[in-house]
Amino acid sequence: MKYTLLLIAALPLAAQTAADHWAHPPIVILPTTPDVLGKPSGIFPAAMRAAYGFNKIANQGQGQIIGIVDAYDDPNIESDLGVFDQQFGLPDCTTANGCFKKIYATGTAPKTNSNWASEISLDVEWSHAIAPQAKIYLIEGADSSNASLYQAVDVAVQNGATVVSMSWGINEYSTEVNDDVHFNVANVTFVAASGDSGHAAYYPASSPYVVGVGGTQLTINSSTGAWESETAWSGSGGGTSAYETEPSYQAKAQNTGMRGVPDVAYDASPKSGVPVYDTVGIYGLLGWLPVGGTSMAAPEWSALFAITNSLRVAAGKTTLNQVQFHLYPDAEKDYHDITTGSNGSCGAQCTAGTGYDFVTRLGSPQANLLIPTLAAAK
């Protein structure tokens, strides 16, 4: 018996009004068979860290708070994180030791939603896997409406997050520029998944104040975990915004006049996915789940920025401020340039190529090169 590919999209639990916009988490549960269930499969944390060069950086995010913003409640997340950590030899991250904290954006626990619980497991577990000394604050919005999620973003900032990870997307809307204020915050880096539906721009990844993260398919050495190659993932969101104008930091990267998405890329393909431990369960599956999607790319880039911020603070500097202005001048020397693959049939804008493109943009990180560059930036 095989399970079909499951694209996770959270459905609104309340009637929409004209002003409502609803987010969905771009997470993919991989096709699997009963013999795979019950044990982790995919790229493990140590291999992922080796593939992108995190293992060459001693700092692991000490002193920084990664704010994970999601909708609804995952009542099992702390215990699930504990199982994940034990499996992969990661440091404990609990409420008791101060590493983990769950915050309800409204002060009241939201309802549980299995789609979003899987997303929460992915976001929390993999941000911790890449930056295991950073604190993880999970901020749960009341539901998946834009108003609830933006409220949760604000709460993350109010609680000291220096990086805010948003593995969800909303169809662009004509007034989204008014909501950019939630992400235009000094010394806080906002990161969002670009989506899993191929060529398209989604908000908040399309905000000029947010680092949009696209997806690749990663190939690593089976023995060492070392990076071997990457190609653009067909599901990676990307393109040009319908409403956000081109930011100045993209002036040398494109000439459309509109904000291009994504800014960077990372492994996201279901064919090179990662294990997540989730006991809320989805579609009858629970425990170890093999997952993919740009949902897994965003929290890992967030961990990269947390490590950078830790180094900056140790050197007497501020945490990163509008990091895009530092990311773009660096292209492509601190990145893996993704030159093959596509996310649609729209021609050049759907095709990865040498240098900048609208599928993977700057490319995926060589963390051992990029982190020191960002840490040294003024």
Protein backbone atom coordinates (compact mmCIF):
# COMPACT_ATOMS: atom_id res chain seq x y z
CA MET A 1 0.00 0.00 0.00
CA LYS A 2 1.33 3.43 -0.94
CA TYR A 3 0.19 6.79 0.27
CA THR A 4 -0.22 9.46 -2.36
CA LEU A 5 1.54 12.80 -2.23
CA LEU A 6 -0.19 15.06 0.25
CA LEU A 7 -0.08 18.80 -0.25
CA ILE A 8 -0.94 20.39 3.07
CA ALA A 9 -3.21 23.41 2.85
CA ALA A 10 -4.96 24.69 5.94
CA LEU A 11 -8.59 25.51 5.30
CA PRO A 12 -10.29 28.40 7.06
CA LEU A 13 -12.44 27.35 9.98
CA ALA A 14 -14.63 30.44 9.84
CA ALA A 15 -16.57 32.22 7.15
CA GLN A 16 -14.49 34.69 5.18
CA THR A 17 -15.29 38.35 4.94
CA ALA A 18 -14.23 40.67 2.15
CA ALA A 19 -11.18 41.70 4.18
CA ASP A 20 -10.06 38.19 5.10
CA HIS A 21 -7.00 36.57 3.54
CA TRP A 22 -6.10 33.03 4.55
CA ALA A 23 -2.65 31.50 4.70
CA HIS A 24 -1.59 27.97 3.96
CA PRO A 25 1.62 26.22 5.04
CA PRO A 26 3.75 25.02 2.08
CA ILE A 27 4.66 21.63 3.52
CA VAL A 28 4.59 18.37 1.59
CA ILE A 29 4.21 14.93 3.15
CA LEU A 30 6.15 12.57 0.91
CA PRO A 31 4.77 9.43 -0.69
CA THR A 32 5.68 6.61 1.62
CA THR A 33 5.02 2.97 2.38
CA PRO A 34 4.17 1.22 5.66
CA ASP A 35 7.73 -0.08 6.05
CA VAL A 36 9.01 3.51 6.20
CA LEU A 37 6.48 4.67 8.77
CA GLY A 38 7.67 4.63 12.36
CA LYS A 39 11.28 5.53 11.63
CA PRO A 40 12.99 8.68 10.37
CA SER A 41 13.91 8.90 6.69
CA GLY A 42 15.38 11.55 4.43
CA ILE A 43 18.32 13.89 5.06
CA PHE A 44 19.19 13.91 8.78
CA PRO A 45 20.34 17.04 10.67
CA ALA A 46 24.07 16.22 10.68
CA ALA A 47 24.03 15.62 6.94
CA MET A 48 22.08 18.82 6.27
CA ARG A 49 24.49 20.82 8.38
CA ALA A 50 27.41 19.29 6.48
CA ALA A 51 25.81 19.86 3.08
CA TYR A 52 25.51 23.61 3.58
CA GLY A 53 28.66 24.12 5.66
CA PHE A 54 27.07 24.79 9.05
CA ASN A 55 29.33 22.13 10.54
CA LYS A 56 32.30 24.41 9.82
CA ILE A 57 30.88 27.19 12.02
CA ALA A 58 31.42 26.74 15.77
CA ASN A 59 28.67 29.14 16.79
CA GLN A 60 25.20 27.58 17.06
CA GLY A 61 23.02 30.62 17.72
CA GLN A 62 23.71 31.24 21.40
CA GLY A 63 21.79 34.14 22.90
CA GLN A 64 19.36 34.57 20.00
CA ILE A 65 15.61 33.97 19.81
CA ILE A 66 14.03 32.52 16.67
CA GLY A 67 10.35 33.37 16.59
CA ILE A 68 8.36 30.64 14.80
CA VAL A 69 5.01 32.04 13.71
CA ASP A 70 2.24 29.57 12.81
CA ALA A 71 -1.52 29.23 13.09
CA TYR A 72 -3.54 27.13 15.54
CA ASP A 73 -2.13 24.98 18.34
CA ASP A 74 0.12 21.96 18.42
CA PRO A 75 -0.44 20.58 21.93
CA ASN A 76 2.34 17.99 21.53
CA ILE A 77 5.12 20.12 20.12
CA GLU A 78 7.42 20.20 23.15
CA SER A 79 7.32 16.44 23.68
CA ASP A 80 7.66 15.82 19.92
CA LEU A 81 10.71 18.09 19.84
CA GLY A 82 12.15 16.04 22.70
CA VAL A 83 11.84 12.82 20.67
CA PHE A 84 13.42 14.53 17.65
CA ASP A 85 16.33 15.81 19.74
CA GLN A 86 16.95 12.43 21.36
CA GLN A 87 16.90 10.68 17.98
CA PHE A 88 19.52 12.96 16.47
CA GLY A 89 21.66 13.71 19.53
CA LEU A 90 20.64 17.36 19.72
CA PRO A 91 20.63 19.40 22.95
CA ASP A 92 17.39 19.34 24.91
CA CYS A 93 15.17 22.32 24.13
CA THR A 94 12.47 22.61 26.77
CA THR A 95 10.41 25.11 28.68
CA ALA A 96 12.22 24.06 31.85
CA ASN A 97 15.72 24.86 30.54
CA GLY A 98 14.57 28.10 28.89
CA CYS A 99 15.28 27.02 25.33
CA PHE A 100 11.65 26.57 24.23
CA LYS A 101 8.63 28.74 24.85
CA LYS A 102 5.11 28.54 23.45
CA ILE A 103 3.17 31.81 23.29
CA TYR A 104 -0.48 32.20 22.34
CA ALA A 105 -0.79 35.42 20.34
CA THR A 106 -4.18 36.20 21.88
CA GLY A 107 -3.34 34.85 25.33
CA THR A 108 -5.68 31.91 24.81
CA ALA A 109 -4.82 28.53 23.30
CA PRO A 110 -6.14 28.23 19.74
CA LYS A 111 -7.87 25.16 18.39
CA THR A 112 -5.72 22.28 17.18
CA ASN A 113 -5.40 21.86 13.41
CA SER A 114 -3.52 18.81 12.14
CA ASN A 115 -2.25 20.47 8.96
CA TRP A 116 -0.68 23.27 10.93
CA ALA A 117 0.56 20.93 13.68
CA SER A 118 2.70 19.17 11.07
CA GLU A 119 3.99 22.55 9.96
CA ILE A 120 4.78 23.55 13.54
CA SER A 121 6.71 20.31 14.07
CA LEU A 122 8.77 20.97 10.96
CA ASP A 123 9.49 24.60 11.80
CA VAL A 124 10.43 24.06 15.44
CA GLU A 125 12.43 20.87 14.97
CA TRP A 126 14.49 22.01 12.01
CA SER A 127 15.26 25.52 13.22
CA HIS A 128 16.60 23.84 16.36
CA ALA A 129 18.50 21.26 14.29
CA ILE A 130 20.48 23.97 12.47
CA ALA A 131 20.92 26.42 15.38
CA PRO A 132 20.69 24.15 18.44
CA GLN A 133 21.82 26.80 20.95
CA ALA A 134 19.27 29.43 19.88
CA LYS A 135 16.07 29.79 21.82
CA ILE A 136 12.91 28.76 19.98
CA TYR A 137 9.76 30.75 20.69
CA LEU A 138 6.65 29.35 19.02
CA ILE A 139 3.96 32.00 18.58
CA GLU A 140 0.59 30.52 17.67
CA GLY A 141 -1.99 32.68 15.91
CA ALA A 142 -5.67 32.13 16.65
CA ASP A 143 -6.30 30.93 13.09
CA SER A 144 -4.78 31.18 9.62
CA SER A 145 -6.24 34.56 8.70
CA ASN A 146 -3.78 37.28 7.81
CA ALA A 147 -4.90 39.38 10.79
CA SER A 148 -4.18 36.56 13.25
CA LEU A 149 -0.81 35.75 11.72
CA TYR A 150 0.32 39.38 11.61
CA GLN A 151 -0.69 39.71 15.24
CA ALA A 152 1.51 36.68 16.00
CA VAL A 153 4.40 38.29 14.07
CA ASP A 154 4.08 41.40 16.23
CA VAL A 155 4.03 39.27 19.39
CA ALA A 156 7.20 37.48 18.27
CA VAL A 157 8.98 40.83 17.98
CA GLN A 158 7.60 42.01 21.31
CA ASN A 159 9.04 38.89 22.95
CA GLY A 160 12.56 39.54 21.70
CA ALA A 161 12.84 37.50 18.51
CA THR A 162 15.72 38.71 16.34
CA VAL A 163 14.64 36.39 13.52
CA VAL A 164 11.01 35.60 12.67
CA SER A 165 10.31 32.50 10.56
CA MET A 166 7.05 32.32 8.57
CA SER A 167 6.49 29.05 6.72
CA TRP A 168 3.19 30.11 5.21
CA GLY A 169 1.91 32.13 2.30
CA ILE A 170 -1.10 34.17 1.29
CA ASN A 171 -2.29 34.92 -2.23
CA GLU A 172 -1.19 38.46 -3.01
CA TYR A 173 -3.80 41.18 -2.47
CA SER A 174 -3.98 44.81 -3.54
CA THR A 175 -3.57 46.28 -0.04
CA GLU A 176 -0.65 44.11 1.06
CA VAL A 177 1.75 47.07 0.96
CA ASN A 178 -0.12 48.43 3.98
CA ASP A 179 0.84 45.30 5.91
CA ASP A 180 4.55 45.68 5.21
CA VAL A 181 4.71 47.67 8.45
CA HIS A 182 4.69 44.38 10.37
CA PHE A 183 8.05 43.47 8.77
CA ASN A 184 9.73 46.88 8.67
CA VAL A 185 11.29 46.52 12.11
CA ALA A 186 14.85 47.57 12.93
CA ASN A 187 17.32 44.79 13.71
CA VAL A 188 14.82 41.96 13.15
CA THR A 189 15.08 39.63 10.15
CA PHE A 190 11.87 38.20 8.71
CA VAL A 191 11.97 35.03 6.62
CA ALA A 192 9.12 33.49 4.59
CA ALA A 193 8.61 30.44 2.39
CA SER A 194 7.99 31.28 -1.28
CA GLY A 195 5.36 28.56 -1.78
CA ASP A 196 5.03 25.08 -3.23
CA SER A 197 2.80 25.69 -6.26
CA GLY A 198 5.43 26.65 -8.81
CA HIS A 199 5.63 29.98 -10.57
CA ALA A 200 3.76 32.56 -8.46
CA ALA A 201 4.47 35.22 -5.88
CA TYR A 202 2.96 34.92 -2.41
CA TYR A 203 2.87 37.28 0.53
CA PRO A 204 4.70 37.86 2.87
CA ALA A 205 7.63 36.45 0.84
CA SER A 206 6.91 39.22 -1.67
CA SER A 207 7.30 41.97 0.92
CA PRO A 208 10.53 43.92 0.33
CA TYR A 209 11.18 43.69 4.09
CA VAL A 210 11.10 39.87 4.10
CA VAL A 211 13.67 37.35 2.88
CA GLY A 212 11.77 35.06 0.52
CA VAL A 213 13.12 31.49 0.38
CA GLY A 214 12.68 29.32 -2.70
CA GLY A 215 13.27 25.61 -3.10
CA THR A 216 15.78 23.23 -4.64
CA GLN A 217 16.38 19.52 -4.93
CA LEU A 218 19.60 18.71 -3.09
CA THR A 219 22.00 15.87 -3.80
CA ILE A 220 24.55 15.02 -1.10
CA ASN A 221 27.34 12.51 -0.76
CA SER A 222 25.84 9.40 0.81
CA SER A 223 28.90 8.84 3.02
CA THR A 224 29.93 12.32 4.16
CA GLY A 225 26.78 14.41 3.62
CA ALA A 226 28.84 16.86 1.55
CA TRP A 227 27.05 18.99 -1.04
CA GLU A 228 27.26 17.53 -4.53
CA SER A 229 24.66 19.35 -6.62
CA GLU A 230 21.35 21.21 -6.59
CA THR A 231 18.69 21.94 -9.14
CA ALA A 232 15.65 24.18 -8.89
CA TRP A 233 12.61 22.37 -7.49
CA SER A 234 9.57 22.42 -9.77
CA GLY A 235 7.29 23.39 -6.86
CA SER A 236 9.33 26.40 -5.76
CA GLY A 237 7.33 29.61 -5.63
CA GLY A 238 8.85 32.52 -7.51
CA GLY A 239 8.20 35.35 -9.92
CA THR A 240 7.32 39.01 -9.61
CA SER A 241 4.93 40.65 -7.20
CA ALA A 242 1.77 42.20 -8.59
CA TYR A 243 1.79 45.02 -6.03
CA GLU A 244 5.24 45.49 -4.43
CA THR A 245 7.65 47.67 -6.39
CA GLU A 246 11.25 46.69 -7.02
CA PRO A 247 13.41 47.36 -3.95
CA SER A 248 16.73 49.09 -4.46
CA TYR A 249 18.71 46.05 -3.32
CA GLN A 250 17.43 44.18 -6.41
CA ALA A 251 18.51 46.87 -8.88
CA LYS A 252 21.36 44.75 -10.26
CA ALA A 253 19.40 41.51 -10.07
CA GLN A 254 16.48 42.35 -12.36
CA ASN A 255 14.73 45.17 -14.20
CA THR A 256 11.02 44.37 -14.00
CA GLY A 257 10.18 47.32 -11.77
CA MET A 258 8.42 44.97 -9.33
CA ARG A 259 9.66 42.99 -6.36
CA GLY A 260 11.19 39.69 -7.46
CA VAL A 261 10.70 36.54 -5.38
CA PRO A 262 12.50 34.62 -3.91
CA ASP A 263 15.74 36.11 -2.61
CA VAL A 264 17.54 32.87 -1.73
CA ALA A 265 17.03 29.12 -1.99
CA TYR A 266 17.43 25.92 0.03
CA ASP A 267 16.57 22.26 -0.16
CA ALA A 268 12.78 21.80 -0.41
CA SER A 269 12.07 18.98 -2.85
CA PRO A 270 10.12 16.00 -1.54
CA LYS A 271 12.78 13.85 -3.20
CA SER A 272 15.43 15.27 -0.87
CA GLY A 273 13.22 15.82 2.16
CA VAL A 274 13.76 15.54 5.90
CA PRO A 275 12.25 13.62 8.84
CA VAL A 276 9.81 15.30 11.23
CA TYR A 277 8.30 13.85 14.38
CA ASP A 278 4.60 14.72 14.80
CA THR A 279 2.13 12.92 17.07
CA VAL A 280 -0.90 15.07 16.33
CA GLY A 281 -1.04 13.21 13.03
CA ILE A 282 -2.37 14.05 9.62
CA TYR A 283 -4.41 11.89 7.23
CA GLY A 284 -3.90 8.96 9.55
CA LEU A 285 -0.12 9.38 9.60
CA LEU A 286 1.69 10.21 12.81
CA GLY A 287 5.10 9.78 14.38
CA TRP A 288 7.98 10.04 11.92
CA LEU A 289 6.95 11.73 8.69
CA PRO A 290 9.14 12.40 5.64
CA VAL A 291 8.45 15.96 4.49
CA GLY A 292 9.51 18.56 1.96
CA GLY A 293 8.44 21.99 0.78
CA THR A 294 9.72 25.54 1.13
CA SER A 295 8.34 25.22 4.66
CA MET A 296 11.49 23.34 5.54
CA ALA A 297 13.69 25.90 3.79
CA ALA A 298 12.48 29.00 5.69
CA PRO A 299 13.24 27.88 9.28
CA GLU A 300 16.70 26.68 8.26
CA TRP A 301 17.56 30.05 6.71
CA SER A 302 16.16 31.59 9.91
CA ALA A 303 18.64 29.49 11.88
CA LEU A 304 21.44 30.80 9.64
CA PHE A 305 20.50 34.37 10.51
CA ALA A 306 20.32 33.51 14.23
CA ILE A 307 23.87 32.14 14.10
CA THR A 308 24.98 35.30 12.30
CA ASN A 309 23.32 37.49 14.91
CA SER A 310 24.99 35.57 17.71
CA LEU A 311 28.40 36.26 16.17
CA ARG A 312 27.52 39.91 15.61
CA VAL A 313 26.44 40.45 19.21
CA ALA A 314 29.59 38.73 20.47
CA ALA A 315 31.58 41.24 18.40
CA GLY A 316 29.68 44.20 19.91
CA LYS A 317 27.48 44.80 16.86
CA THR A 318 23.72 45.04 16.44
CA THR A 319 21.71 42.16 15.08
CA LEU A 320 21.11 42.19 11.33
CA ASN A 321 19.09 45.09 9.95
CA GLN A 322 17.49 44.78 6.48
CA VAL A 323 19.76 41.87 5.67
CA GLN A 324 18.84 41.91 1.96
CA PHE A 325 21.19 44.86 1.50
CA HIS A 326 24.00 42.55 2.60
CA LEU A 327 22.79 39.42 0.80
CA TYR A 328 22.63 40.84 -2.72
CA PRO A 329 26.08 42.44 -3.07
CA ASP A 330 27.56 39.09 -2.10
CA ALA A 331 26.14 37.14 -5.02
CA GLU A 332 27.28 34.69 -6.01
CA LYS A 333 30.51 33.98 -4.15
CA ASP A 334 28.96 32.83 -0.85
CA TYR A 335 26.21 30.78 -2.47
CA HIS A 336 25.72 27.68 -4.55
CA ASP A 337 24.54 29.10 -7.87
CA ILE A 338 21.56 27.00 -9.02
CA THR A 339 21.68 26.88 -12.82
CA THR A 340 19.27 24.10 -13.79
CA GLY A 341 15.59 23.32 -13.28
CA SER A 342 12.36 25.28 -13.57
CA ASN A 343 9.11 26.00 -11.72
CA GLY A 344 6.77 26.39 -14.67
CA SER A 345 6.43 26.89 -18.41
CA CYS A 346 6.60 30.69 -18.62
CA GLY A 347 10.03 30.87 -20.22
CA ALA A 348 12.97 32.75 -18.74
CA GLN A 349 11.21 33.76 -15.52
CA CYS A 350 10.41 30.11 -14.76
CA THR A 351 13.90 28.81 -15.47
CA ALA A 352 16.96 28.73 -13.24
CA GLY A 353 20.18 29.94 -14.82
CA THR A 354 23.63 31.32 -14.16
CA GLY A 355 23.54 34.23 -11.71
CA TYR A 356 20.22 35.74 -10.67
CA ASP A 357 16.95 34.07 -11.61
CA PHE A 358 13.32 34.12 -10.46
CA VAL A 359 13.29 30.51 -9.22
CA THR A 360 16.28 30.40 -6.85
CA ARG A 361 17.61 34.02 -7.10
CA LEU A 362 20.97 34.22 -5.26
CA GLY A 363 21.16 30.47 -4.70
CA SER A 364 21.55 28.28 -1.62
CA PRO A 365 23.97 29.14 1.18
CA GLN A 366 27.54 28.13 1.69
CA ALA A 367 27.02 28.88 5.36
CA ASN A 368 30.70 28.70 6.27
CA LEU A 369 31.31 31.57 3.82
CA LEU A 370 28.08 33.55 4.06
CA ILE A 371 27.77 33.68 7.86
CA PRO A 372 31.20 35.27 8.39
CA THR A 373 30.45 37.78 5.61
CA LEU A 374 27.16 38.80 7.23
CA ALA A 375 28.71 38.82 10.70
CA ALA A 376 31.40 41.23 9.47
CA ALA A 377 28.97 43.59 7.71
CA LYS A 378 28.52 47.07 9.19
